[in-house]
C-alpha atoms as a PDB file:
ATOM      1  CA  MET A   1      28.429 -15.651  26.597  1.00  0.00           C
ATOM      2  CA  PRO A   2      29.736 -19.137  25.693  1.00  0.00           C
ATOM      3  CA  ASP A   3      33.035 -20.451  26.935  1.00  0.00           C
ATOM      4  CA  ALA A   4      36.058 -19.184  25.017  1.00  0.00           C
ATOM      5  CA  ARG A   5      37.044 -21.513  22.211  1.00  0.00           C
ATOM      6  CA  PRO A   6      40.176 -23.308  23.388  1.00  0.00           C
ATOM      7  CA  THR A   7      41.561 -23.364  19.826  1.00  0.00           C
ATOM      8  CA  ALA A   8      41.073 -19.645  19.130  1.00  0.00           C
ATOM      9  CA  MET A   9      44.352 -18.031  18.130  1.00  0.00           C
ATOM     10  CA  VAL A  10      45.217 -14.346  18.597  1.00  0.00           C
ATOM     11  CA  ILE A  11      47.638 -12.382  16.434  1.00  0.00           C
ATOM     12  CA  ALA A  12      48.617  -8.962  17.833  1.00  0.00           C
ATOM     13  CA  ILE A  13      49.960  -6.333  15.447  1.00  0.00           C
ATOM     14  CA  ASP A  14      51.189  -2.937  16.612  1.00  0.00           C
ATOM     15  CA  GLY A  15      53.028  -0.097  14.965  1.00  0.00           C
ATOM     16  CA  PRO A  16      53.055   3.603  14.157  1.00  0.00           C
ATOM     17  CA  ALA A  17      50.937   5.396  11.578  1.00  0.00           C
ATOM     18  CA  ALA A  18      51.494   4.452   7.906  1.00  0.00           C
ATOM     19  CA  SER A  19      53.785   1.554   8.810  1.00  0.00           C
ATOM     20  CA  GLY A  20      51.610  -0.824   6.804  1.00  0.00           C
ATOM     21  CA  LYS A  21      50.114  -2.611   9.806  1.00  0.00           C
ATOM     22  CA  GLY A  22      46.520  -2.043   8.694  1.00  0.00           C
ATOM     23  CA  THR A  23      47.000  -3.527   5.230  1.00  0.00           C
ATOM     24  CA  LEU A  24      49.056  -6.369   6.656  1.00  0.00           C
ATOM     25  CA  SER A  25      46.472  -7.144   9.330  1.00  0.00           C
ATOM     26  CA  ARG A  26      43.609  -7.297   6.860  1.00  0.00           C
ATOM     27  CA  ARG A  27      45.558  -9.526   4.489  1.00  0.00           C
ATOM     28  CA  LEU A  28      46.649 -11.802   7.319  1.00  0.00           C
ATOM     29  CA  ALA A  29      43.069 -12.173   8.495  1.00  0.00           C
ATOM     30  CA  ASP A  30      41.960 -13.045   4.962  1.00  0.00           C
ATOM     31  CA  ARG A  31      44.804 -15.525   4.495  1.00  0.00           C
ATOM     32  CA  LEU A  32      44.242 -17.251   7.831  1.00  0.00           C
ATOM     33  CA  HIS A  33      40.426 -16.958   7.770  1.00  0.00           C
ATOM     34  CA  PHE A  34      40.572 -15.073  11.066  1.00  0.00           C
ATOM     35  CA  ALA A  35      38.377 -12.224  12.246  1.00  0.00           C
ATOM     36  CA  HIS A  36      39.989  -8.781  12.021  1.00  0.00           C
ATOM     37  CA  LEU A  37      39.674  -5.740  14.258  1.00  0.00           C
ATOM     38  CA  ASP A  38      41.212  -2.333  13.541  1.00  0.00           C
ATOM     39  CA  THR A  39      41.242  -1.063  17.118  1.00  0.00           C
ATOM     40  CA  GLY A  40      42.152   2.496  16.158  1.00  0.00           C
ATOM     41  CA  SER A  41      38.874   2.753  14.286  1.00  0.00           C
ATOM     42  CA  LEU A  42      37.024   1.978  17.509  1.00  0.00           C
ATOM     43  CA  TYR A  43      38.139   5.314  18.931  1.00  0.00           C
ATOM     44  CA  ARG A  44      37.133   7.021  15.695  1.00  0.00           C
ATOM     45  CA  ALA A  45      33.729   5.339  15.952  1.00  0.00           C
ATOM     46  CA  VAL A  46      33.267   6.666  19.467  1.00  0.00           C
ATOM     47  CA  GLY A  47      34.267  10.160  18.390  1.00  0.00           C
ATOM     48  CA  LEU A  48      31.955  10.041  15.382  1.00  0.00           C
ATOM     49  CA  ALA A  49      29.037   8.862  17.519  1.00  0.00           C
ATOM     50  CA  VAL A  50      29.511  11.789  19.890  1.00  0.00           C
ATOM     51  CA  LEU A  51      29.708  14.263  17.005  1.00  0.00           C
ATOM     52  CA  ARG A  52      26.575  12.888  15.343  1.00  0.00           C
ATOM     53  CA  ALA A  53      24.704  13.181  18.625  1.00  0.00           C
ATOM     54  CA  GLY A  54      25.652  16.851  18.731  1.00  0.00           C
ATOM     55  CA  GLY A  55      27.922  16.289  21.704  1.00  0.00           C
ATOM     56  CA  ASN A  56      31.431  17.289  22.688  1.00  0.00           C
ATOM     57  CA  PRO A  57      34.120  14.582  22.298  1.00  0.00           C
ATOM     58  CA  SER A  58      36.028  16.044  25.235  1.00  0.00           C
ATOM     59  CA  ASP A  59      33.028  15.466  27.516  1.00  0.00           C
ATOM     60  CA  ALA A  60      33.962  12.309  29.417  1.00  0.00           C
ATOM     61  CA  ALA A  61      30.380  11.260  30.145  1.00  0.00           C
ATOM     62  CA  GLN A  62      29.261  11.558  26.515  1.00  0.00           C
ATOM     63  CA  ALA A  63      32.338   9.781  25.220  1.00  0.00           C
ATOM     64  CA  THR A  64      31.955   6.963  27.740  1.00  0.00           C
ATOM     65  CA  GLU A  65      28.297   6.449  26.854  1.00  0.00           C
ATOM     66  CA  ALA A  66      29.208   6.174  23.177  1.00  0.00           C
ATOM     67  CA  ALA A  67      31.990   3.695  23.938  1.00  0.00           C
ATOM     68  CA  TYR A  68      29.731   1.382  25.912  1.00  0.00           C
ATOM     69  CA  ALA A  69      27.108   1.552  23.141  1.00  0.00           C
ATOM     70  CA  LEU A  70      29.386  -0.300  20.723  1.00  0.00           C
ATOM     71  CA  HIS A  71      28.211  -3.851  20.121  1.00  0.00           C
ATOM     72  CA  PRO A  72      30.154  -6.674  18.425  1.00  0.00           C
ATOM     73  CA  GLU A  73      27.271  -7.538  16.084  1.00  0.00           C
ATOM     74  CA  THR A  74      26.917  -4.027  14.666  1.00  0.00           C
ATOM     75  CA  THR A  75      30.516  -2.828  14.914  1.00  0.00           C
ATOM     76  CA  PRO A  76      31.578  -4.161  11.460  1.00  0.00           C
ATOM     77  CA  LEU A  77      29.036  -1.830   9.844  1.00  0.00           C
ATOM     78  CA  VAL A  78      30.109   1.058  12.058  1.00  0.00           C
ATOM     79  CA  LEU A  79      33.777   0.557  11.194  1.00  0.00           C
ATOM     80  CA  ALA A  80      32.970   0.477   7.477  1.00  0.00           C
ATOM     81  CA  ASP A  81      31.514   4.005   7.599  1.00  0.00           C
ATOM     82  CA  PRO A  82      33.659   6.235   5.321  1.00  0.00           C
ATOM     83  CA  ALA A  83      32.959   9.152   7.658  1.00  0.00           C
ATOM     84  CA  LEU A  84      35.502   7.645  10.063  1.00  0.00           C
ATOM     85  CA  ARG A  85      38.306   8.903   7.798  1.00  0.00           C
ATOM     86  CA  ALA A  86      37.316  12.575   8.120  1.00  0.00           C
ATOM     87  CA  ASP A  87      39.782  14.946   9.790  1.00  0.00           C
ATOM     88  CA  GLU A  88      37.241  16.123  12.358  1.00  0.00           C
ATOM     89  CA  VAL A  89      36.618  12.511  13.358  1.00  0.00           C
ATOM     90  CA  ALA A  90      40.350  11.933  13.795  1.00  0.00           C
ATOM     91  CA  SER A  91      40.435  14.953  16.088  1.00  0.00           C
ATOM     92  CA  ALA A  92      37.441  13.656  18.036  1.00  0.00           C
ATOM     93  CA  ALA A  93      39.102  10.253  18.354  1.00  0.00           C
ATOM     94  CA  SER A  94      42.183  11.804  19.940  1.00  0.00           C
ATOM     95  CA  GLN A  95      39.950  13.557  22.467  1.00  0.00           C
ATOM     96  CA  VAL A  96      37.920  10.501  23.500  1.00  0.00           C
ATOM     97  CA  ALA A  97      41.051   8.324  23.630  1.00  0.00           C
ATOM     98  CA  ILE A  98      42.375  10.117  26.700  1.00  0.00           C
ATOM     99  CA  VAL A  99      39.212   9.425  28.722  1.00  0.00           C
ATOM    100  CA  PRO A 100      40.046   6.529  31.110  1.00  0.00           C
ATOM    101  CA  ALA A 101      36.489   5.162  31.084  1.00  0.00           C
ATOM    102  CA  VAL A 102      36.487   5.074  27.275  1.00  0.00           C
ATOM    103  CA  ARG A 103      39.751   3.146  27.221  1.00  0.00           C
ATOM    104  CA  GLU A 104      38.345   0.768  29.831  1.00  0.00           C
ATOM    105  CA  ALA A 105      35.207   0.155  27.767  1.00  0.00           C
ATOM    106  CA  LEU A 106      37.130  -0.409  24.543  1.00  0.00           C
ATOM    107  CA  LEU A 107      39.694  -2.595  26.277  1.00  0.00           C
ATOM    108  CA  ALA A 108      36.892  -4.918  27.338  1.00  0.00           C
ATOM    109  CA  PHE A 109      35.449  -4.828  23.805  1.00  0.00           C
ATOM    110  CA  GLN A 110      38.794  -5.717  22.235  1.00  0.00           C
ATOM    111  CA  ARG A 111      39.464  -8.569  24.647  1.00  0.00           C
ATOM    112  CA  ASP A 112      36.007  -9.998  24.077  1.00  0.00           C
ATOM    113  CA  PHE A 113      36.606  -9.841  20.313  1.00  0.00           C
ATOM    114  CA  ALA A 114      39.880 -11.725  20.724  1.00  0.00           C
ATOM    115  CA  ALA A 115      38.375 -14.355  23.024  1.00  0.00           C
ATOM    116  CA  TYR A 116      35.225 -14.883  20.961  1.00  0.00           C
ATOM    117  CA  PRO A 117      36.050 -14.081  17.313  1.00  0.00           C
ATOM    118  CA  PRO A 118      32.838 -13.313  15.396  1.00  0.00           C
ATOM    119  CA  GLY A 119      31.660 -15.357  12.448  1.00  0.00           C
ATOM    120  CA  ASN A 120      32.779 -18.570  14.109  1.00  0.00           C
ATOM    121  CA  ALA A 121      36.351 -17.709  13.126  1.00  0.00           C
ATOM    122  CA  ARG A 122      39.076 -19.864  14.636  1.00  0.00           C
ATOM    123  CA  GLY A 123      41.173 -16.848  15.535  1.00  0.00           C
ATOM    124  CA  ALA A 124      41.511 -13.080  15.477  1.00  0.00           C
ATOM    125  CA  VAL A 125      43.963 -10.490  14.185  1.00  0.00           C
ATOM    126  CA  LEU A 126      43.928  -7.216  16.132  1.00  0.00           C
ATOM    127  CA  ASP A 127      45.950  -4.208  15.080  1.00  0.00           C
ATOM    128  CA  GLY A 128      46.616  -1.014  16.953  1.00  0.00           C
ATOM    129  CA  ARG A 129      49.212   0.552  19.203  1.00  0.00           C
ATOM    130  CA  ASP A 130      48.978  -1.429  22.442  1.00  0.00           C
ATOM    131  CA  ILE A 131      47.667  -4.844  21.424  1.00  0.00           C
ATOM    132  CA  GLY A 132      50.733  -6.877  22.317  1.00  0.00           C
ATOM    133  CA  THR A 133      51.518  -4.887  25.456  1.00  0.00           C
ATOM    134  CA  ILE A 134      48.105  -4.113  27.001  1.00  0.00           C
ATOM    135  CA  VAL A 135      45.123  -5.595  25.162  1.00  0.00           C
ATOM    136  CA  CYS A 136      46.373  -9.120  24.433  1.00  0.00           C
ATOM    137  CA  PRO A 137      49.696  -9.628  26.244  1.00  0.00           C
ATOM    138  CA  ASP A 138      49.218 -13.394  25.926  1.00  0.00           C
ATOM    139  CA  ALA A 139      48.665 -13.330  22.152  1.00  0.00           C
ATOM    140  CA  ASP A 140      49.932 -16.383  20.294  1.00  0.00           C
ATOM    141  CA  ALA A 141      52.075 -14.213  18.016  1.00  0.00           C
ATOM    142  CA  LYS A 142      53.004 -10.537  18.211  1.00  0.00           C
ATOM    143  CA  LEU A 143      54.376  -8.319  15.481  1.00  0.00           C
ATOM    144  CA  PHE A 144      55.556  -4.734  15.663  1.00  0.00           C
ATOM    145  CA  VAL A 145      55.376  -3.270  12.174  1.00  0.00           C
ATOM    146  CA  THR A 146      57.479  -0.212  11.540  1.00  0.00           C
ATOM    147  CA  ALA A 147      59.205   1.769   8.790  1.00  0.00           C
ATOM    148  CA  SER A 148      61.377   4.844   8.591  1.00  0.00           C
ATOM    149  CA  VAL A 149      59.514   8.064   9.263  1.00  0.00           C
ATOM    150  CA  GLU A 150      60.456   9.221   5.751  1.00  0.00           C
ATOM    151  CA  ALA A 151      58.933   6.123   4.138  1.00  0.00           C
ATOM    152  CA  ARG A 152      55.799   6.466   6.221  1.00  0.00           C
ATOM    153  CA  ALA A 153      55.449  10.139   5.328  1.00  0.00           C
ATOM    154  CA  GLU A 154      55.712   9.256   1.628  1.00  0.00           C
ATOM    155  CA  ARG A 155      52.943   6.683   2.038  1.00  0.00           C
ATOM    156  CA  ARG A 156      50.682   9.086   3.882  1.00  0.00           C
ATOM    157  CA  LEU A 157      51.363  11.807   1.286  1.00  0.00           C
ATOM    158  CA  LYS A 158      50.303   9.439  -1.505  1.00  0.00           C
ATOM    159  CA  GLU A 159      47.180   8.436   0.410  1.00  0.00           C
ATOM    160  CA  LEU A 160      46.137  12.029   1.071  1.00  0.00           C
ATOM    161  CA  ARG A 161      46.741  13.149  -2.512  1.00  0.00           C
ATOM    162  CA  GLU A 162      44.698  10.231  -3.810  1.00  0.00           C
ATOM    163  CA  ARG A 163      41.871  11.549  -1.629  1.00  0.00           C
ATOM    164  CA  GLY A 164      42.286  14.989  -3.151  1.00  0.00           C
ATOM    165  CA  VAL A 165      43.821  16.583  -0.072  1.00  0.00           C
ATOM    166  CA  PRO A 166      46.322  19.338  -1.000  1.00  0.00           C
ATOM    167  CA  VAL A 167      49.421  18.635   1.103  1.00  0.00           C
ATOM    168  CA  ILE A 168      53.192  18.904   0.866  1.00  0.00           C
ATOM    169  CA  TYR A 169      55.753  16.344   1.954  1.00  0.00           C
ATOM    170  CA  ALA A 170      57.427  18.569   4.556  1.00  0.00           C
ATOM    171  CA  ALA A 171      54.145  19.143   6.377  1.00  0.00           C
ATOM    172  CA  VAL A 172      53.234  15.445   6.334  1.00  0.00           C
ATOM    173  CA  LEU A 173      56.698  14.513   7.599  1.00  0.00           C
ATOM    174  CA  GLU A 174      56.507  16.991  10.476  1.00  0.00           C
ATOM    175  CA  ASP A 175      53.011  15.802  11.409  1.00  0.00           C
ATOM    176  CA  MET A 176      54.239  12.202  11.364  1.00  0.00           C
ATOM    177  CA  ARG A 177      57.133  13.031  13.687  1.00  0.00           C
ATOM    178  CA  GLU A 178      54.846  14.863  16.101  1.00  0.00           C
ATOM    179  CA  ARG A 179      52.364  11.986  16.129  1.00  0.00           C
ATOM    180  CA  ASP A 180      55.132   9.485  16.777  1.00  0.00           C
ATOM    181  CA  ALA A 181      56.272  11.548  19.755  1.00  0.00           C
ATOM    182  CA  ARG A 182      52.744  11.764  21.180  1.00  0.00           C
ATOM    183  CA  ASP A 183      52.101   8.057  20.762  1.00  0.00           C
ATOM    184  CA  SER A 184      55.396   6.916  22.251  1.00  0.00           C
ATOM    185  CA  GLN A 185      55.519   9.403  25.128  1.00  0.00           C
ATOM    186  CA  ARG A 186      51.921   9.319  26.360  1.00  0.00           C
ATOM    187  CA  ALA A 187      51.407   8.204  29.943  1.00  0.00           C
ATOM    188  CA  VAL A 188      48.695   5.642  29.161  1.00  0.00           C
ATOM    189  CA  ALA A 189      49.517   2.654  26.917  1.00  0.00           C
ATOM    190  CA  PRO A 190      52.426   4.233  25.026  1.00  0.00           C
ATOM    191  CA  LEU A 191      53.360   2.886  21.624  1.00  0.00           C
ATOM    192  CA  LYS A 192      56.220   0.412  22.012  1.00  0.00           C
ATOM    193  CA  PRO A 193      56.966  -3.128  20.886  1.00  0.00           C
ATOM    194  CA  ALA A 194      56.201  -5.967  23.258  1.00  0.00           C
ATOM    195  CA  ALA A 195      59.340  -7.675  24.541  1.00  0.00           C
ATOM    196  CA  ASP A 196      58.496 -10.813  22.542  1.00  0.00           C
ATOM    197  CA  ALA A 197      57.259  -9.094  19.372  1.00  0.00           C
ATOM    198  CA  PHE A 198      58.735  -9.755  15.940  1.00  0.00           C
ATOM    199  CA  LEU A 199      60.024  -6.457  14.534  1.00  0.00           C
ATOM    200  CA  LEU A 200      59.005  -6.109  10.894  1.00  0.00           C
ATOM    201  CA  ASP A 201      60.547  -3.138   9.089  1.00  0.00           C
ATOM    202  CA  THR A 202      58.563  -2.506   5.916  1.00  0.00           C
ATOM    203  CA  SER A 203      60.568   0.512   4.715  1.00  0.00           C
ATOM    204  CA  SER A 204      61.744  -1.291   1.588  1.00  0.00           C
ATOM    205  CA  MET A 205      59.009  -3.929   1.393  1.00  0.00           C
ATOM    206  CA  ASN A 206      55.891  -4.101  -0.715  1.00  0.00           C
ATOM    207  CA  ALA A 207      52.654  -5.514   0.680  1.00  0.00           C
ATOM    208  CA  ASP A 208      53.317  -9.049  -0.580  1.00  0.00           C
ATOM    209  CA  GLN A 209      56.789  -9.162   0.940  1.00  0.00           C
ATOM    210  CA  ALA A 210      55.474  -7.935   4.285  1.00  0.00           C
ATOM    211  CA  LEU A 211      52.743 -10.585   4.228  1.00  0.00           C
ATOM    212  CA  ASP A 212      55.221 -13.352   3.439  1.00  0.00           C
ATOM    213  CA  ALA A 213      57.517 -12.285   6.289  1.00  0.00           C
ATOM    214  CA  ALA A 214      54.607 -12.101   8.740  1.00  0.00           C
ATOM    215  CA  ILE A 215      53.238 -15.489   7.722  1.00  0.00           C
ATOM    216  CA  SER A 216      56.676 -17.063   8.074  1.00  0.00           C
ATOM    217  CA  PHE A 217      57.033 -15.709  11.602  1.00  0.00           C
ATOM    218  CA  ILE A 218      53.502 -16.656  12.670  1.00  0.00           C
ATOM    219  CA  CYS A 219      53.918 -20.192  11.386  1.00  0.00           C
ATOM    220  CA  SER A 220      57.254 -20.627  13.169  1.00  0.00           C
ATOM    221  CA  LYS A 221      55.821 -19.175  16.376  1.00  0.00           C
ATOM    222  CA  THR A 222      52.481 -20.984  16.489  1.00  0.00           C
ATOM    223  CA  GLY A 223      52.973 -24.206  14.590  1.00  0.00           C
ATOM    224  CA  LEU A 224      50.178 -23.197  12.232  1.00  0.00           C
ATOM    225  CA  SER A 225      50.835 -25.097   9.034  1.00  0.00           C
ATOM    226  CA  ASP A 226      47.840 -25.132   6.709  1.00  0.00           C
ATOM    227  CA  HIS A 227      48.436 -21.552   5.460  1.00  0.00           C
ATOM    228  CA  CYS A 228      52.218 -21.449   5.599  1.00  0.00           C
ATOM    229  CA  ALA A 229      53.022 -22.787   2.147  1.00  0.00           C
END
């Protein structure tokens, strides 16, 4: 592996489900011409690989083997697989995510991605739940994207209905609250903002407004100027 590019910049974006961090991260990466990694999808990819091999996602050995099989050159194709959005894959992801060896493997993968952004990119945007606190604590800029649980439930409801999933708001809201509790109270890498993260509340923002606010912060934090106008 070549030496890390001294000019590579890392943007860490964390936040709860349906906060808008995924959309924001992708748009930031496009705007800045950085590489982008949705770290949550890595766990889904591991779970999907185990399922397709006929294995059990709760089997630590099988999950660990699948995690170490991920490769930076092929991961973009893996993460583009629509099967990752299936409910059974989400369940598998939650099972593999509690395996310490899986987290260790994916932690190394994420840090390598940040240090050596693919495509000769000059930087990387990583989004997840522990990027600024665990994966890249020395990131050049950190954002914690959030929104009220009611706003996030409305967004998830819209997303599910657009996919043809029959759901009601009350059920989505309750699921969102339970997920928030699990993510913030788990023993390993709990969801919380880094001490130096910029808190971006998107409850009343559209995607363009969130992008503008994020760009303004990143430019003030890093001195990046060519994409700040």
